[in-house]
Protein backbone atom coordinates (compact mmCIF):
# COMPACT_ATOMS: atom_id res chain seq x y z
CA MET A 1 -13.37 -61.87 61.09
CA LEU A 2 -10.76 -59.51 62.49
CA SER A 3 -10.24 -59.33 66.23
CA GLU A 4 -11.88 -56.32 67.83
CA GLY A 5 -9.59 -53.30 67.72
CA ALA A 6 -7.05 -55.07 65.48
CA VAL A 7 -7.22 -52.49 62.66
CA PHE A 8 -4.87 -49.53 63.06
CA THR A 9 -5.70 -46.43 61.01
CA SER A 10 -3.21 -43.69 60.17
CA THR A 11 -2.86 -40.83 57.71
CA TRP A 12 0.25 -40.25 55.63
CA PRO A 13 0.93 -37.32 53.29
CA VAL A 14 2.65 -38.03 49.97
CA ARG A 15 5.74 -35.81 49.78
CA GLY A 16 7.90 -34.54 46.96
CA ASP A 17 10.48 -37.32 47.03
CA ASP A 18 7.71 -39.94 46.84
CA ILE A 19 6.66 -38.75 43.37
CA SER A 20 8.39 -39.19 40.02
CA HIS A 21 9.00 -36.38 37.53
CA ASP A 22 5.76 -37.31 35.76
CA ARG A 23 3.83 -37.09 39.07
CA ARG A 24 3.52 -40.85 39.60
CA LEU A 25 3.56 -42.20 43.15
CA LYS A 26 6.67 -44.40 43.24
CA PHE A 27 6.99 -47.82 44.81
CA ASP A 28 9.74 -46.64 47.16
CA GLY A 29 7.43 -43.88 48.37
CA VAL A 30 4.78 -46.47 49.19
CA ALA A 31 7.42 -48.57 50.97
CA ARG A 32 8.34 -45.63 53.20
CA CYS A 33 4.64 -45.23 54.05
CA LEU A 34 4.44 -48.91 55.02
CA GLN A 35 7.47 -48.57 57.31
CA ASP A 36 6.16 -45.46 59.06
CA VAL A 37 2.66 -46.86 59.56
CA GLY A 38 4.09 -50.14 60.86
CA GLN A 39 6.23 -48.36 63.44
CA ASP A 40 3.29 -46.19 64.49
CA HIS A 41 1.16 -49.33 64.85
CA LEU A 42 3.72 -50.93 67.19
CA ALA A 43 3.79 -47.77 69.29
CA HIS A 44 -0.02 -47.64 69.35
CA ILE A 45 -0.29 -51.14 70.86
CA GLY A 46 2.62 -50.52 73.28
CA HIS A 47 5.10 -52.98 71.75
CA LEU A 48 7.68 -50.70 70.13
CA GLU A 49 10.18 -51.51 72.88
CA ILE A 50 8.95 -55.05 73.63
CA HIS A 51 9.45 -56.19 70.02
CA PRO A 52 11.84 -53.56 68.61
CA HIS A 53 13.60 -55.63 65.92
CA TRP A 54 11.91 -57.08 62.85
CA VAL A 55 13.12 -58.74 59.66
CA LEU A 56 11.02 -58.17 56.56
CA ARG A 57 11.05 -61.21 54.28
CA ARG A 58 8.56 -60.15 51.62
CA THR A 59 6.49 -57.13 50.64
CA VAL A 60 3.74 -57.12 48.04
CA ILE A 61 2.42 -53.82 46.69
CA GLU A 62 -0.54 -53.77 44.32
CA MET A 63 -1.18 -50.38 42.74
CA HIS A 64 -4.79 -50.34 41.56
CA ALA A 65 -5.26 -46.60 41.05
CA LEU A 66 -2.88 -43.68 41.34
CA GLY A 67 -4.80 -40.48 41.85
CA GLU A 68 -3.62 -36.92 41.48
CA GLN A 69 -0.38 -36.39 43.39
CA PRO A 70 0.57 -35.37 45.98
CA ASP A 71 -2.31 -37.15 47.67
CA GLN A 72 -3.29 -37.42 51.34
CA LEU A 73 -3.41 -41.11 52.17
CA THR A 74 -5.34 -43.07 54.77
CA ALA A 75 -3.76 -46.40 55.68
CA GLU A 76 -5.47 -49.25 57.51
CA ARG A 77 -3.11 -51.90 58.92
CA TRP A 78 -3.97 -55.28 60.41
CA ALA A 79 -2.56 -58.78 60.77
CA ALA A 80 -3.98 -61.22 58.24
CA GLN A 81 -2.24 -64.19 59.90
CA ALA A 82 0.00 -64.62 62.92
CA GLY A 83 2.38 -67.42 63.82
CA SER A 84 4.49 -67.91 66.93
CA ARG A 85 7.37 -65.78 65.60
CA TRP A 86 6.01 -63.91 62.58
CA PHE A 87 2.92 -62.40 61.07
CA THR A 88 1.64 -60.98 57.81
CA ALA A 89 0.66 -57.33 57.94
CA ARG A 90 -1.80 -55.99 55.41
CA ILE A 91 -2.13 -52.30 54.70
CA ASP A 92 -4.86 -50.90 52.49
CA ILE A 93 -4.20 -47.35 51.29
CA ASP A 94 -6.83 -44.95 50.00
CA GLY A 95 -6.20 -41.35 48.97
CA GLU A 96 -8.38 -38.28 48.94
CA ARG A 97 -7.51 -37.83 45.26
CA GLY A 98 -8.12 -41.37 44.04
CA THR A 99 -5.10 -43.42 45.11
CA ARG A 100 -5.91 -47.09 45.80
CA ILE A 101 -3.19 -49.51 46.90
CA ALA A 102 -3.25 -52.93 48.61
CA THR A 103 -0.15 -54.33 50.34
CA GLU A 104 1.06 -57.24 52.43
CA GLY A 105 4.31 -57.75 54.34
CA PHE A 106 5.74 -60.89 55.95
CA TRP A 107 7.42 -59.78 59.20
CA ILE A 108 9.63 -61.90 61.49
CA ASN A 109 10.23 -60.91 65.11
CA PHE A 110 14.03 -61.00 65.48
CA ASN A 111 16.45 -61.45 68.37
CA VAL A 112 19.57 -59.39 67.59
CA ASP A 113 21.63 -61.24 70.23
CA THR A 114 21.02 -64.75 68.92
CA LEU A 115 20.33 -63.65 65.31
CA THR A 116 17.30 -65.94 65.25
CA PRO A 117 13.52 -65.49 65.08
CA SER A 118 12.04 -64.71 68.50
CA ALA A 119 8.69 -65.69 69.98
CA LEU A 120 5.90 -63.13 69.90
CA SER A 121 4.48 -62.25 73.29
CA ASP A 122 0.96 -63.35 74.11
CA THR A 123 -0.11 -59.73 74.59
CA PHE A 124 1.24 -58.82 71.16
CA ARG A 125 -0.67 -61.66 69.52
CA ARG A 126 -3.87 -60.55 71.25
CA ARG A 127 -3.41 -56.92 70.25
CA ILE A 128 -2.26 -57.49 66.68
CA GLY A 129 -4.97 -60.01 65.79
CA GLY A 130 -4.19 -62.34 62.91
CA ASP A 131 -7.57 -64.01 62.53
CA ALA A 132 -8.50 -62.58 59.13
CA VAL A 133 -7.05 -65.55 57.23
CA PRO A 134 -7.41 -68.98 58.89
CA GLY A 135 -4.73 -71.64 58.82
CA ARG A 136 -1.13 -72.01 59.95
CA LEU A 137 1.24 -69.31 58.73
CA ARG A 138 4.43 -70.62 57.11
CA TRP A 139 7.14 -68.99 55.06
CA LYS A 140 7.32 -69.99 51.40
CA LYS A 141 9.23 -68.16 48.69
CA TRP A 142 7.33 -66.90 45.66
CA LEU A 143 10.22 -65.85 43.42
CA ASP A 144 13.22 -67.70 41.98
CA PRO A 145 16.42 -66.23 43.52
CA VAL A 146 18.59 -67.49 40.63
CA PRO A 147 18.96 -64.80 37.94
CA HIS A 148 17.74 -65.63 34.45
CA PRO A 149 20.71 -66.45 32.18
CA ASP A 150 19.63 -63.63 29.81
CA ALA A 151 19.23 -61.03 32.56
CA VAL A 152 20.89 -57.70 31.73
CA PRO A 153 22.61 -55.29 34.13
CA VAL A 154 20.87 -52.08 35.21
CA PRO A 155 22.96 -49.23 36.68
CA PHE A 156 22.42 -48.94 40.43
CA LEU A 157 24.51 -47.32 43.17
CA LEU A 158 24.23 -48.04 46.88
CA ARG A 159 24.99 -44.99 49.03
CA VAL A 160 26.04 -44.41 52.63
CA CYS A 161 22.73 -42.67 53.31
CA ASP A 162 20.88 -45.87 52.35
CA LEU A 163 21.98 -47.56 55.60
CA ASP A 164 19.77 -47.61 58.68
CA LEU A 165 20.79 -47.30 62.35
CA ILE A 166 22.09 -50.90 62.50
CA GLU A 167 24.04 -50.38 59.25
CA HIS A 168 21.75 -52.52 57.13
CA VAL A 169 20.22 -51.30 53.91
CA ASN A 170 16.83 -49.72 54.60
CA ASN A 171 13.89 -51.71 53.23
CA ALA A 172 12.70 -48.84 51.04
CA VAL A 173 16.06 -48.81 49.19
CA TYR A 174 15.26 -52.17 47.60
CA TRP A 175 12.22 -50.50 46.06
CA THR A 176 14.41 -47.74 44.62
CA ALA A 177 16.39 -50.51 42.90
CA LEU A 178 13.16 -51.92 41.52
CA GLU A 179 12.19 -48.45 40.28
CA GLU A 180 15.53 -48.24 38.44
CA ALA A 181 14.78 -51.49 36.62
CA LEU A 182 11.16 -50.50 35.96
CA ALA A 183 12.32 -47.21 34.41
CA THR A 184 13.83 -49.25 31.54
CA GLN A 185 10.35 -50.66 30.73
CA ALA A 186 8.24 -47.59 29.96
CA ASP A 187 5.21 -49.52 28.71
CA LEU A 188 5.01 -51.66 31.86
CA ARG A 189 5.68 -48.72 34.16
CA GLU A 190 2.64 -46.85 32.85
CA ARG A 191 0.17 -49.71 33.21
CA LEU A 192 -2.32 -50.31 36.02
CA PRO A 193 -3.00 -52.35 37.98
CA LEU A 194 0.55 -53.44 38.82
CA ARG A 195 1.73 -55.96 41.39
CA ALA A 196 5.28 -55.65 42.66
CA VAL A 197 7.03 -58.07 44.99
CA VAL A 198 10.31 -57.78 46.89
CA GLU A 199 11.71 -60.84 48.68
CA HIS A 200 14.76 -60.42 50.89
CA ASP A 201 17.11 -63.37 50.49
CA SER A 202 20.21 -62.28 52.43
CA PRO A 203 21.54 -59.18 54.22
CA LEU A 204 22.96 -56.37 52.14
CA GLN A 205 25.65 -53.94 53.25
CA LEU A 206 27.54 -51.10 51.64
CA ALA A 207 30.72 -53.14 51.18
CA ASP A 208 28.81 -55.64 49.01
CA ALA A 209 28.81 -53.21 46.04
CA PRO A 210 25.63 -54.82 44.67
CA ARG A 211 24.74 -55.41 41.02
CA LEU A 212 21.23 -55.07 39.64
CA LEU A 213 20.00 -57.52 36.97
CA ALA A 214 16.67 -57.55 35.10
CA HIS A 215 14.80 -59.78 32.67
CA ARG A 216 11.47 -59.11 30.93
CA ASP A 217 9.12 -61.94 29.96
CA GLY A 218 5.82 -60.67 28.60
CA ASP A 219 4.03 -58.69 31.30
CA VAL A 220 6.47 -59.73 34.03
CA LEU A 221 9.73 -57.95 34.86
CA SER A 222 12.02 -60.02 37.11
CA VAL A 223 14.83 -58.28 38.98
CA TRP A 224 17.72 -59.50 41.13
CA LEU A 225 19.93 -57.49 43.48
CA MET A 226 23.20 -59.37 43.69
CA ALA A 227 26.09 -59.15 46.18
CA GLY A 228 28.84 -60.92 44.28
CA GLU A 229 27.33 -64.32 43.42
CA ARG A 230 24.90 -64.12 46.33
CA THR A 231 21.31 -62.97 45.81
CA ALA A 232 20.40 -60.24 48.30
CA ALA A 233 16.86 -59.68 46.98
CA THR A 234 14.56 -61.10 44.33
CA MET A 235 11.96 -58.74 42.87
CA SER A 236 9.25 -58.63 40.23
CA VAL A 237 6.70 -56.30 38.66
CA GLU A 238 3.67 -57.75 36.90
CA ALA A 239 0.79 -56.19 35.02
CA LEU A 240 -2.48 -57.54 36.43
CA PRO A 241 -5.67 -58.09 34.42
CA VAL A 242 -7.95 -55.08 34.36
CA SER A 243 -11.19 -55.69 36.26
CA PRO A 244 -14.32 -55.45 34.09
């Protein structure tokens, strides 16, 4: 069971730049929602300044239904598990016009002075919860960071406006790269439900001039964002079985 008061509820309006030309809610639009709701959650529990810096290692977005857009979304955020330095945040999103999305993010509390994970305060752990899923929380990669030998390049341009206030690439930008790759697979793009995963492997900056590579295997599209020979992010989109 969740700890009492651990669920944070917020509303978020879908805006014009969150929707594609065919009125589909895009993955990068959902990613911006997750960022905003997460920051609001930290402010709500009084830890925006106590734990101001976070590293996102993985985000999972499952699109189960995309209603008429633009939709008005209600997001519920809670900690599924919490460790001493990180936790998994789940956000369920429901729209007034039929949108249904489930997400999970693996967040690491970060010390910018030592560039290492930092311990979560006891008050944060009490306020955030983390009792929904029992067991010890550990990091384990899901995706292979080595590009498939038959992966093909996809045009992608990193821009100055994609950097955040500490000059790192904003998390939502990785999802724009995934949208670029998904746009080359029209049949997969139009299917539901879809599960998309972004794993951050190493920091990405403007000077890296990244390359985007993609490989399709059946119902799975694998994508790599490369900085030279280094993998900055590993991504995938997979068509899930339709529930009876």
